[in-house]
Amino acid sequence: LLSEDETTISISLPKTCKNFSELMTTLGNRQGVQIDLLLNNKPL
């Protein structure tokens, strides 16, 4: 979708996180945008 707007990116392979602690270690204390989604009314 980004390429349709002339924006080019290269992506890495996914790094899996088996729990919240691993996720926070990977993300660090970075500020970002958190998007709360629902799949069949259940949160992700």
ModelCIF file with pLDDT and N, C-alpha, C, O atoms, coordinates in Angstrom:
data_MODEL
#
_entry.id   MODEL 
#
_entity.id                         1 
_entity.type                       polymer 
_entity.pdbx_number_of_molecules   1 
#
_entity_poly.entity_id                      1 
_entity_poly.type                           'polypeptide(L)' 
_entity_poly.nstd_linkage                   no 
_entity_poly.nstd_monomer                   no 
_entity_poly.pdbx_seq_one_letter_code       LLSEDETTISISLPKTCKNFSELMTTLGNRQGVQIDLLLNNKPL 
_entity_poly.pdbx_seq_one_letter_code_can   LLSEDETTISISLPKTCKNFSELMTTLGNRQGVQIDLLLNNKPL 
_entity_poly.pdbx_strand_id                 A 
#
loop_
_entity_poly_seq.entity_id 
_entity_poly_seq.num 
_entity_poly_seq.mon_id 
_entity_poly_seq.hetero 
1 1  LEU n 
1 2  LEU n 
1 3  SER n 
1 4  GLU n 
1 5  ASP n 
1 6  GLU n 
1 7  THR n 
1 8  THR n 
1 9  ILE n 
1 10 SER n 
1 11 ILE n 
1 12 SER n 
1 13 LEU n 
1 14 PRO n 
1 15 LYS n 
1 16 THR n 
1 17 CYS n 
1 18 LYS n 
1 19 ASN n 
1 20 PHE n 
1 21 SER n 
1 22 GLU n 
1 23 LEU n 
1 24 MET n 
1 25 THR n 
1 26 THR n 
1 27 LEU n 
1 28 GLY n 
1 29 ASN n 
1 30 ARG n 
1 31 GLN n 
1 32 GLY n 
1 33 VAL n 
1 34 GLN n 
1 35 ILE n 
1 36 ASP n 
1 37 LEU n 
1 38 LEU n 
1 39 LEU n 
1 40 ASN n 
1 41 ASN n 
1 42 LYS n 
1 43 PRO n 
1 44 LEU n 
#
_struct_asym.id          A 
_struct_asym.entity_id   1 
#
loop_
_ma_qa_metric.id 
_ma_qa_metric.mode 
_ma_qa_metric.name 
_ma_qa_metric.software_group_id 
_ma_qa_metric.type 
1 global pLDDT . pLDDT 
2 local  pLDDT . pLDDT 
#
_ma_qa_metric_global.metric_id      1 
_ma_qa_metric_global.metric_value   83.84 
_ma_qa_metric_global.model_id       1 
_ma_qa_metric_global.ordinal_id     1 
#
loop_
_ma_qa_metric_local.label_asym_id 
_ma_qa_metric_local.label_comp_id 
_ma_qa_metric_local.label_seq_id 
_ma_qa_metric_local.metric_id 
_ma_qa_metric_local.metric_value 
_ma_qa_metric_local.model_id 
_ma_qa_metric_local.ordinal_id 
A LEU 1  2 82.00 1 1  
A LEU 2  2 84.00 1 2  
A SER 3  2 77.00 1 3  
A GLU 4  2 71.00 1 4  
A ASP 5  2 71.00 1 5  
A GLU 6  2 72.00 1 6  
A THR 7  2 82.00 1 7  
A THR 8  2 82.00 1 8  
A ILE 9  2 83.00 1 9  
A SER 10 2 79.00 1 10 
A ILE 11 2 82.00 1 11 
A SER 12 2 78.00 1 12 
A LEU 13 2 77.00 1 13 
A PRO 14 2 84.00 1 14 
A LYS 15 2 87.00 1 15 
A THR 16 2 89.00 1 16 
A CYS 17 2 89.00 1 17 
A LYS 18 2 87.00 1 18 
A ASN 19 2 87.00 1 19 
A PHE 20 2 86.00 1 20 
A SER 21 2 86.00 1 21 
A GLU 22 2 88.00 1 22 
A LEU 23 2 87.00 1 23 
A MET 24 2 87.00 1 24 
A THR 25 2 86.00 1 25 
A THR 26 2 86.00 1 26 
A LEU 27 2 83.00 1 27 
A GLY 28 2 79.00 1 28 
A ASN 29 2 78.00 1 29 
A ARG 30 2 80.00 1 30 
A GLN 31 2 83.00 1 31 
A GLY 32 2 87.00 1 32 
A VAL 33 2 90.00 1 33 
A GLN 34 2 89.00 1 34 
A ILE 35 2 91.00 1 35 
A ASP 36 2 90.00 1 36 
A LEU 37 2 89.00 1 37 
A LEU 38 2 88.00 1 38 
A LEU 39 2 85.00 1 39 
A ASN 40 2 84.00 1 40 
A ASN 41 2 86.00 1 41 
A LYS 42 2 85.00 1 42 
A PRO 43 2 86.00 1 43 
A LEU 44 2 87.00 1 44 
#
loop_
_atom_site.group_PDB 
_atom_site.id 
_atom_site.type_symbol 
_atom_site.label_atom_id 
_atom_site.label_alt_id 
_atom_site.label_comp_id 
_atom_site.label_asym_id 
_atom_site.label_entity_id 
_atom_site.label_seq_id 
_atom_site.pdbx_PDB_ins_code 
_atom_site.Cartn_x 
_atom_site.Cartn_y 
_atom_site.Cartn_z 
_atom_site.occupancy 
_atom_site.B_iso_or_equiv 
_atom_site.pdbx_formal_charge 
_atom_site.auth_seq_id 
_atom_site.auth_comp_id 
_atom_site.auth_asym_id 
_atom_site.auth_atom_id 
_atom_site.pdbx_PDB_model_num 
ATOM 1   N N  . LEU A 1 1  ? 0.823   -1.205  0.000  1.00 82.00 ? 1  LEU A N  1 
ATOM 2   C CA . LEU A 1 1  ? 0.000   0.000   0.000  1.00 82.00 ? 1  LEU A CA 1 
ATOM 3   C C  . LEU A 1 1  ? 0.861   1.262   0.000  1.00 82.00 ? 1  LEU A C  1 
ATOM 4   O O  . LEU A 1 1  ? 0.529   2.251   -0.654 1.00 82.00 ? 1  LEU A O  1 
ATOM 5   N N  . LEU A 1 2  ? 1.969   1.216   0.739  1.00 84.00 ? 2  LEU A N  1 
ATOM 6   C CA . LEU A 1 2  ? 2.878   2.370   0.770  1.00 84.00 ? 2  LEU A CA 1 
ATOM 7   C C  . LEU A 1 2  ? 3.486   2.629   -0.607 1.00 84.00 ? 2  LEU A C  1 
ATOM 8   O O  . LEU A 1 2  ? 3.702   3.777   -0.997 1.00 84.00 ? 2  LEU A O  1 
ATOM 9   N N  . SER A 1 3  ? 3.757   1.549   -1.334 1.00 77.00 ? 3  SER A N  1 
ATOM 10  C CA . SER A 1 3  ? 4.370   1.717   -2.657 1.00 77.00 ? 3  SER A CA 1 
ATOM 11  C C  . SER A 1 3  ? 3.439   2.449   -3.616 1.00 77.00 ? 3  SER A C  1 
ATOM 12  O O  . SER A 1 3  ? 3.895   3.101   -4.555 1.00 77.00 ? 3  SER A O  1 
ATOM 13  N N  . GLU A 1 4  ? 2.130   2.340   -3.377 1.00 71.00 ? 4  GLU A N  1 
ATOM 14  C CA . GLU A 1 4  ? 1.166   3.049   -4.220 1.00 71.00 ? 4  GLU A CA 1 
ATOM 15  C C  . GLU A 1 4  ? 1.293   4.559   -4.032 1.00 71.00 ? 4  GLU A C  1 
ATOM 16  O O  . GLU A 1 4  ? 0.879   5.345   -4.884 1.00 71.00 ? 4  GLU A O  1 
ATOM 17  N N  . ASP A 1 5  ? 1.878   4.948   -2.890 1.00 71.00 ? 5  ASP A N  1 
ATOM 18  C CA . ASP A 1 5  ? 2.079   6.373   -2.600 1.00 71.00 ? 5  ASP A CA 1 
ATOM 19  C C  . ASP A 1 5  ? 3.560   6.748   -2.738 1.00 71.00 ? 5  ASP A C  1 
ATOM 20  O O  . ASP A 1 5  ? 4.030   7.721   -2.148 1.00 71.00 ? 5  ASP A O  1 
ATOM 21  N N  . GLU A 1 6  ? 4.294   5.933   -3.549 1.00 72.00 ? 6  GLU A N  1 
ATOM 22  C CA . GLU A 1 6  ? 5.704   6.176   -3.842 1.00 72.00 ? 6  GLU A CA 1 
ATOM 23  C C  . GLU A 1 6  ? 6.576   6.149   -2.589 1.00 72.00 ? 6  GLU A C  1 
ATOM 24  O O  . GLU A 1 6  ? 7.579   6.858   -2.513 1.00 72.00 ? 6  GLU A O  1 
ATOM 25  N N  . THR A 1 7  ? 6.199   5.338   -1.614 1.00 82.00 ? 7  THR A N  1 
ATOM 26  C CA . THR A 1 7  ? 6.993   5.181   -0.399 1.00 82.00 ? 7  THR A CA 1 
ATOM 27  C C  . THR A 1 7  ? 7.539   3.761   -0.371 1.00 82.00 ? 7  THR A C  1 
ATOM 28  O O  . THR A 1 7  ? 6.779   2.793   -0.371 1.00 82.00 ? 7  THR A O  1 
ATOM 29  N N  . THR A 1 8  ? 8.878   3.644   -0.346 1.00 82.00 ? 8  THR A N  1 
ATOM 30  C CA . THR A 1 8  ? 9.533   2.338   -0.403 1.00 82.00 ? 8  THR A CA 1 
ATOM 31  C C  . THR A 1 8  ? 10.086  1.947   0.966  1.00 82.00 ? 8  THR A C  1 
ATOM 32  O O  . THR A 1 8  ? 10.755  2.744   1.625  1.00 82.00 ? 8  THR A O  1 
ATOM 33  N N  . ILE A 1 9  ? 9.802   0.720   1.385  1.00 83.00 ? 9  ILE A N  1 
ATOM 34  C CA . ILE A 1 9  ? 10.399  0.198   2.617  1.00 83.00 ? 9  ILE A CA 1 
ATOM 35  C C  . ILE A 1 9  ? 10.873  -1.233  2.373  1.00 83.00 ? 9  ILE A C  1 
ATOM 36  O O  . ILE A 1 9  ? 10.372  -1.934  1.493  1.00 83.00 ? 9  ILE A O  1 
ATOM 37  N N  . SER A 1 10 ? 11.852  -1.644  3.175  1.00 79.00 ? 10 SER A N  1 
ATOM 38  C CA . SER A 1 10 ? 12.278  -3.042  3.221  1.00 79.00 ? 10 SER A CA 1 
ATOM 39  C C  . SER A 1 10 ? 11.928  -3.561  4.613  1.00 79.00 ? 10 SER A C  1 
ATOM 40  O O  . SER A 1 10 ? 12.101  -2.850  5.603  1.00 79.00 ? 10 SER A O  1 
ATOM 41  N N  . ILE A 1 11 ? 11.438  -4.792  4.693  1.00 82.00 ? 11 ILE A N  1 
ATOM 42  C CA . ILE A 1 11 ? 10.995  -5.316  5.991  1.00 82.00 ? 11 ILE A CA 1 
ATOM 43  C C  . ILE A 1 11 ? 11.858  -6.504  6.407  1.00 82.00 ? 11 ILE A C  1 
ATOM 44  O O  . ILE A 1 11 ? 12.355  -7.259  5.572  1.00 82.00 ? 11 ILE A O  1 
ATOM 45  N N  . SER A 1 12 ? 12.023  -6.647  7.725  1.00 78.00 ? 12 SER A N  1 
ATOM 46  C CA . SER A 1 12 ? 12.805  -7.748  8.279  1.00 78.00 ? 12 SER A CA 1 
ATOM 47  C C  . SER A 1 12 ? 11.914  -8.967  8.482  1.00 78.00 ? 12 SER A C  1 
ATOM 48  O O  . SER A 1 12 ? 10.703  -8.905  8.271  1.00 78.00 ? 12 SER A O  1 
ATOM 49  N N  . LEU A 1 13 ? 12.517  -10.062 8.889  1.00 77.00 ? 13 LEU A N  1 
ATOM 50  C CA . LEU A 1 13 ? 11.737  -11.235 9.299  1.00 77.00 ? 13 LEU A CA 1 
ATOM 51  C C  . LEU A 1 13 ? 11.138  -10.971 10.671 1.00 77.00 ? 13 LEU A C  1 
ATOM 52  O O  . LEU A 1 13 ? 11.730  -10.231 11.457 1.00 77.00 ? 13 LEU A O  1 
ATOM 53  N N  . PRO A 1 14 ? 9.977   -11.555 10.987 1.00 84.00 ? 14 PRO A N  1 
ATOM 54  C CA . PRO A 1 14 ? 9.356   -11.310 12.292 1.00 84.00 ? 14 PRO A CA 1 
ATOM 55  C C  . PRO A 1 14 ? 10.193  -11.880 13.441 1.00 84.00 ? 14 PRO A C  1 
ATOM 56  O O  . PRO A 1 14 ? 10.775  -12.958 13.324 1.00 84.00 ? 14 PRO A O  1 
ATOM 57  N N  . LYS A 1 15 ? 10.241  -11.147 14.535 1.00 87.00 ? 15 LYS A N  1 
ATOM 58  C CA . LYS A 1 15 ? 10.845  -11.639 15.774 1.00 87.00 ? 15 LYS A CA 1 
ATOM 59  C C  . LYS A 1 15 ? 9.694   -11.949 16.728 1.00 87.00 ? 15 LYS A C  1 
ATOM 60  O O  . LYS A 1 15 ? 8.946   -11.050 17.111 1.00 87.00 ? 15 LYS A O  1 
ATOM 61  N N  . THR A 1 16 ? 9.552   -13.197 17.108 1.00 89.00 ? 16 THR A N  1 
ATOM 62  C CA . THR A 1 16 ? 8.429   -13.592 17.948 1.00 89.00 ? 16 THR A CA 1 
ATOM 63  C C  . THR A 1 16 ? 8.720   -13.311 19.420 1.00 89.00 ? 16 THR A C  1 
ATOM 64  O O  . THR A 1 16 ? 9.865   -13.367 19.867 1.00 89.00 ? 16 THR A O  1 
ATOM 65  N N  . CYS A 1 17 ? 7.651   -13.005 20.161 1.00 89.00 ? 17 CYS A N  1 
ATOM 66  C CA . CYS A 1 17 ? 7.732   -12.722 21.601 1.00 89.00 ? 17 CYS A CA 1 
ATOM 67  C C  . CYS A 1 17 ? 6.695   -13.588 22.299 1.00 89.00 ? 17 CYS A C  1 
ATOM 68  O O  . CYS A 1 17 ? 5.494   -13.408 22.100 1.00 89.00 ? 17 CYS A O  1 
ATOM 69  N N  . LYS A 1 18 ? 7.157   -14.524 23.113 1.00 87.00 ? 18 LYS A N  1 
ATOM 70  C CA . LYS A 1 18 ? 6.234   -15.505 23.686 1.00 87.00 ? 18 LYS A CA 1 
ATOM 71  C C  . LYS A 1 18 ? 5.434   -14.966 24.869 1.00 87.00 ? 18 LYS A C  1 
ATOM 72  O O  . LYS A 1 18 ? 4.495   -15.613 25.331 1.00 87.00 ? 18 LYS A O  1 
ATOM 73  N N  . ASN A 1 19 ? 5.812   -13.760 25.369 1.00 87.00 ? 19 ASN A N  1 
ATOM 74  C CA . ASN A 1 19 ? 5.049   -13.152 26.459 1.00 87.00 ? 19 ASN A CA 1 
ATOM 75  C C  . ASN A 1 19 ? 5.227   -11.635 26.426 1.00 87.00 ? 19 ASN A C  1 
ATOM 76  O O  . ASN A 1 19 ? 6.001   -11.107 25.628 1.00 87.00 ? 19 ASN A O  1 
ATOM 77  N N  . PHE A 1 20 ? 4.506   -10.950 27.297 1.00 86.00 ? 20 PHE A N  1 
ATOM 78  C CA . PHE A 1 20 ? 4.519   -9.484  27.302 1.00 86.00 ? 20 PHE A CA 1 
ATOM 79  C C  . PHE A 1 20 ? 5.898   -8.943  27.666 1.00 86.00 ? 20 PHE A C  1 
ATOM 80  O O  . PHE A 1 20 ? 6.320   -7.908  27.149 1.00 86.00 ? 20 PHE A O  1 
ATOM 81  N N  . SER A 1 21 ? 6.588   -9.636  28.545 1.00 86.00 ? 21 SER A N  1 
ATOM 82  C CA . SER A 1 21 ? 7.921   -9.195  28.970 1.00 86.00 ? 21 SER A CA 1 
ATOM 83  C C  . SER A 1 21 ? 8.887   -9.156  27.783 1.00 86.00 ? 21 SER A C  1 
ATOM 84  O O  . SER A 1 21 ? 9.636   -8.193  27.622 1.00 86.00 ? 21 SER A O  1 
ATOM 85  N N  . GLU A 1 22 ? 8.870   -10.204 26.954 1.00 88.00 ? 22 GLU A N  1 
ATOM 86  C CA . GLU A 1 22 ? 9.736   -10.237 25.768 1.00 88.00 ? 22 GLU A CA 1 
ATOM 87  C C  . GLU A 1 22 ? 9.358   -9.131  24.782 1.00 88.00 ? 22 GLU A C  1 
ATOM 88  O O  . GLU A 1 22 ? 10.230  -8.538  24.147 1.00 88.00 ? 22 GLU A O  1 
ATOM 89  N N  . LEU A 1 23 ? 8.068   -8.857  24.657 1.00 87.00 ? 23 LEU A N  1 
ATOM 90  C CA . LEU A 1 23 ? 7.610   -7.811  23.757 1.00 87.00 ? 23 LEU A CA 1 
ATOM 91  C C  . LEU A 1 23 ? 8.136   -6.451  24.205 1.00 87.00 ? 23 LEU A C  1 
ATOM 92  O O  . LEU A 1 23 ? 8.616   -5.666  23.387 1.00 87.00 ? 23 LEU A O  1 
ATOM 93  N N  . MET A 1 24 ? 8.045   -6.175  25.514 1.00 87.00 ? 24 MET A N  1 
ATOM 94  C CA . MET A 1 24 ? 8.504   -4.892  26.037 1.00 87.00 ? 24 MET A CA 1 
ATOM 95  C C  . MET A 1 24 ? 10.019  -4.753  25.910 1.00 87.00 ? 24 MET A C  1 
ATOM 96  O O  . MET A 1 24 ? 10.526  -3.660  25.660 1.00 87.00 ? 24 MET A O  1 
ATOM 97  N N  . THR A 1 25 ? 10.737  -5.859  26.081 1.00 86.00 ? 25 THR A N  1 
ATOM 98  C CA . THR A 1 25 ? 12.197  -5.820  25.922 1.00 86.00 ? 25 THR A CA 1 
ATOM 99  C C  . THR A 1 25 ? 12.562  -5.465  24.489 1.00 86.00 ? 25 THR A C  1 
ATOM 100 O O  . THR A 1 25 ? 13.493  -4.694  24.254 1.00 86.00 ? 25 THR A O  1 
ATOM 101 N N  . THR A 1 26 ? 11.823  -6.030  23.524 1.00 86.00 ? 26 THR A N  1 
ATOM 102 C CA . THR A 1 26 ? 12.086  -5.760  22.109 1.00 86.00 ? 26 THR A CA 1 
ATOM 103 C C  . THR A 1 26 ? 11.750  -4.318  21.743 1.00 86.00 ? 26 THR A C  1 
ATOM 104 O O  . THR A 1 26 ? 12.485  -3.669  20.999 1.00 86.00 ? 26 THR A O  1 
ATOM 105 N N  . LEU A 1 27 ? 10.626  -3.822  22.276 1.00 83.00 ? 27 LEU A N  1 
ATOM 106 C CA . LEU A 1 27 ? 10.200  -2.464  21.950 1.00 83.00 ? 27 LEU A CA 1 
ATOM 107 C C  . LEU A 1 27 ? 10.945  -1.407  22.758 1.00 83.00 ? 27 LEU A C  1 
ATOM 108 O O  . LEU A 1 27 ? 11.046  -0.255  22.335 1.00 83.00 ? 27 LEU A O  1 
ATOM 109 N N  . GLY A 1 28 ? 11.471  -1.800  23.930 1.00 79.00 ? 28 GLY A N  1 
ATOM 110 C CA . GLY A 1 28 ? 12.147  -0.830  24.783 1.00 79.00 ? 28 GLY A CA 1 
ATOM 111 C C  . GLY A 1 28 ? 11.161  0.190   25.328 1.00 79.00 ? 28 GLY A C  1 
ATOM 112 O O  . GLY A 1 28 ? 9.984   -0.114  25.523 1.00 79.00 ? 28 GLY A O  1 
ATOM 113 N N  . ASN A 1 29 ? 11.640  1.385   25.571 1.00 78.00 ? 29 ASN A N  1 
ATOM 114 C CA . ASN A 1 29 ? 10.772  2.445   26.096 1.00 78.00 ? 29 ASN A CA 1 
ATOM 115 C C  . ASN A 1 29 ? 10.354  3.429   25.004 1.00 78.00 ? 29 ASN A C  1 
ATOM 116 O O  . ASN A 1 29 ? 10.050  4.590   25.280 1.00 78.00 ? 29 ASN A O  1 
ATOM 117 N N  . ARG A 1 30 ? 10.344  2.948   23.765 1.00 80.00 ? 30 ARG A N  1 
ATOM 118 C CA . ARG A 1 30 ? 10.023  3.831   22.649 1.00 80.00 ? 30 ARG A CA 1 
ATOM 119 C C  . ARG A 1 30 ? 8.589   4.337   22.719 1.00 80.00 ? 30 ARG A C  1 
ATOM 120 O O  . ARG A 1 30 ? 7.662   3.607   23.068 1.00 80.00 ? 30 ARG A O  1 
ATOM 121 N N  . GLN A 1 31 ? 8.442   5.593   22.382 1.00 83.00 ? 31 GLN A N  1 
ATOM 122 C CA . GLN A 1 31 ? 7.093   6.123   22.246 1.00 83.00 ? 31 GLN A CA 1 
ATOM 123 C C  . GLN A 1 31 ? 6.584   5.775   20.852 1.00 83.00 ? 31 GLN A C  1 
ATOM 124 O O  . GLN A 1 31 ? 7.334   5.831   19.878 1.00 83.00 ? 31 GLN A O  1 
ATOM 125 N N  . GLY A 1 32 ? 5.325   5.422   20.763 1.00 87.00 ? 32 GLY A N  1 
ATOM 126 C CA . GLY A 1 32 ? 4.770   5.042   19.476 1.00 87.00 ? 32 GLY A CA 1 
ATOM 127 C C  . GLY A 1 32 ? 3.279   5.273   19.438 1.00 87.00 ? 32 GLY A C  1 
ATOM 128 O O  . GLY A 1 32 ? 2.713   5.954   20.293 1.00 87.00 ? 32 GLY A O  1 
ATOM 129 N N  . VAL A 1 33 ? 2.655   4.695   18.435 1.00 90.00 ? 33 VAL A N  1 
ATOM 130 C CA . VAL A 1 33 ? 1.197   4.768   18.323 1.00 90.00 ? 33 VAL A CA 1 
ATOM 131 C C  . VAL A 1 33 ? 0.637   3.381   18.601 1.00 90.00 ? 33 VAL A C  1 
ATOM 132 O O  . VAL A 1 33 ? 0.951   2.425   17.892 1.00 90.00 ? 33 VAL A O  1 
ATOM 133 N N  . GLN A 1 34 ? -0.178  3.275   19.618 1.00 89.00 ? 34 GLN A N  1 
ATOM 134 C CA . GLN A 1 34 ? -0.836  2.009   19.932 1.00 89.00 ? 34 GLN A CA 1 
ATOM 135 C C  . GLN A 1 34 ? -2.237  2.026   19.348 1.00 89.00 ? 34 GLN A C  1 
ATOM 136 O O  . GLN A 1 34 ? -3.026  2.932   19.617 1.00 89.00 ? 34 GLN A O  1 
ATOM 137 N N  . ILE A 1 35 ? -2.538  1.013   18.547 1.00 91.00 ? 35 ILE A N  1 
ATOM 138 C CA . ILE A 1 35 ? -3.856  0.905   17.930 1.00 91.00 ? 35 ILE A CA 1 
ATOM 139 C C  . ILE A 1 35 ? -4.577  -0.287  18.544 1.00 91.00 ? 35 ILE A C  1 
ATOM 140 O O  . ILE A 1 35 ? -4.120  -1.423  18.417 1.00 91.00 ? 35 ILE A O  1 
ATOM 141 N N  . ASP A 1 36 ? -5.682  -0.040  19.199 1.00 90.00 ? 36 ASP A N  1 
ATOM 142 C CA . ASP A 1 36 ? -6.485  -1.114  19.786 1.00 90.00 ? 36 ASP A CA 1 
ATOM 143 C C  . ASP A 1 36 ? -7.497  -1.580  18.739 1.00 90.00 ? 36 ASP A C  1 
ATOM 144 O O  . ASP A 1 36 ? -8.312  -0.799  18.250 1.00 90.00 ? 36 ASP A O  1 
ATOM 145 N N  . LEU A 1 37 ? -7.425  -2.870  18.406 1.00 89.00 ? 37 LEU A N  1 
ATOM 146 C CA . LEU A 1 37 ? -8.296  -3.448  17.394 1.00 89.00 ? 37 LEU A CA 1 
ATOM 147 C C  . LEU A 1 37 ? -9.218  -4.481  18.019 1.00 89.00 ? 37 LEU A C  1 
ATOM 148 O O  . LEU A 1 37 ? -9.001  -4.933  19.144 1.00 89.00 ? 37 LEU A O  1 
ATOM 149 N N  . LEU A 1 38 ? -10.244 -4.845  17.274 1.00 88.00 ? 38 LEU A N  1 
ATOM 150 C CA . LEU A 1 38 ? -11.146 -5.920  17.687 1.00 88.00 ? 38 LEU A CA 1 
ATOM 151 C C  . LEU A 1 38 ? -11.275 -6.918  16.544 1.00 88.00 ? 38 LEU A C  1 
ATOM 152 O O  . LEU A 1 38 ? -11.474 -6.533  15.392 1.00 88.00 ? 38 LEU A O  1 
ATOM 153 N N  . LEU A 1 39 ? -11.160 -8.191  16.868 1.00 85.00 ? 39 LEU A N  1 
ATOM 154 C CA . LEU A 1 39 ? -11.439 -9.262  15.917 1.00 85.00 ? 39 LEU A CA 1 
ATOM 155 C C  . LEU A 1 39 ? -12.567 -10.087 16.485 1.00 85.00 ? 39 LEU A C  1 
ATOM 156 O O  . LEU A 1 39 ? -12.398 -10.780 17.489 1.00 85.00 ? 39 LEU A O  1 
ATOM 157 N N  . ASN A 1 40 ? -13.729 -10.015 15.838 1.00 84.00 ? 40 ASN A N  1 
ATOM 158 C CA . ASN A 1 40 ? -14.942 -10.650 16.375 1.00 84.00 ? 40 ASN A CA 1 
ATOM 159 C C  . ASN A 1 40 ? -15.193 -10.204 17.818 1.00 84.00 ? 40 ASN A C  1 
ATOM 160 O O  . ASN A 1 40 ? -15.517 -11.001 18.699 1.00 84.00 ? 40 ASN A O  1 
ATOM 161 N N  . ASN A 1 41 ? -15.026 -8.872  18.021 1.00 86.00 ? 41 ASN A N  1 
ATOM 162 C CA . ASN A 1 41 ? -15.262 -8.229  19.324 1.00 86.00 ? 41 ASN A CA 1 
ATOM 163 C C  . ASN A 1 41 ? -14.280 -8.642  20.412 1.00 86.00 ? 41 ASN A C  1 
ATOM 164 O O  . ASN A 1 41 ? -14.548 -8.446  21.597 1.00 86.00 ? 41 ASN A O  1 
ATOM 165 N N  . LYS A 1 42 ? -13.159 -9.204  20.021 1.00 85.00 ? 42 LYS A N  1 
ATOM 166 C CA . LYS A 1 42 ? -12.128 -9.563  21.004 1.00 85.00 ? 42 LYS A CA 1 
ATOM 167 C C  . LYS A 1 42 ? -10.864 -8.756  20.716 1.00 85.00 ? 42 LYS A C  1 
ATOM 168 O O  . LYS A 1 42 ? -10.505 -8.556  19.556 1.00 85.00 ? 42 LYS A O  1 
ATOM 169 N N  . PRO A 1 43 ? -10.177 -8.284  21.785 1.00 86.00 ? 43 PRO A N  1 
ATOM 170 C CA . PRO A 1 43 ? -9.101  -7.300  21.598 1.00 86.00 ? 43 PRO A CA 1 
ATOM 171 C C  . PRO A 1 43 ? -7.784  -7.895  21.082 1.00 86.00 ? 43 PRO A C  1 
ATOM 172 O O  . PRO A 1 43 ? -7.391  -9.003  21.446 1.00 86.00 ? 43 PRO A O  1 
ATOM 173 N N  . LEU A 1 44 ? -7.133  -7.129  20.236 1.00 87.00 ? 44 LEU A N  1 
ATOM 174 C CA . LEU A 1 44 ? -5.748  -7.376  19.859 1.00 87.00 ? 44 LEU A CA 1 
ATOM 175 C C  . LEU A 1 44 ? -5.111  -6.013  19.612 1.00 87.00 ? 44 LEU A C  1 
ATOM 176 O O  . LEU A 1 44 ? -3.929  -5.935  19.276 1.00 87.00 ? 44 LEU A O  1 
#
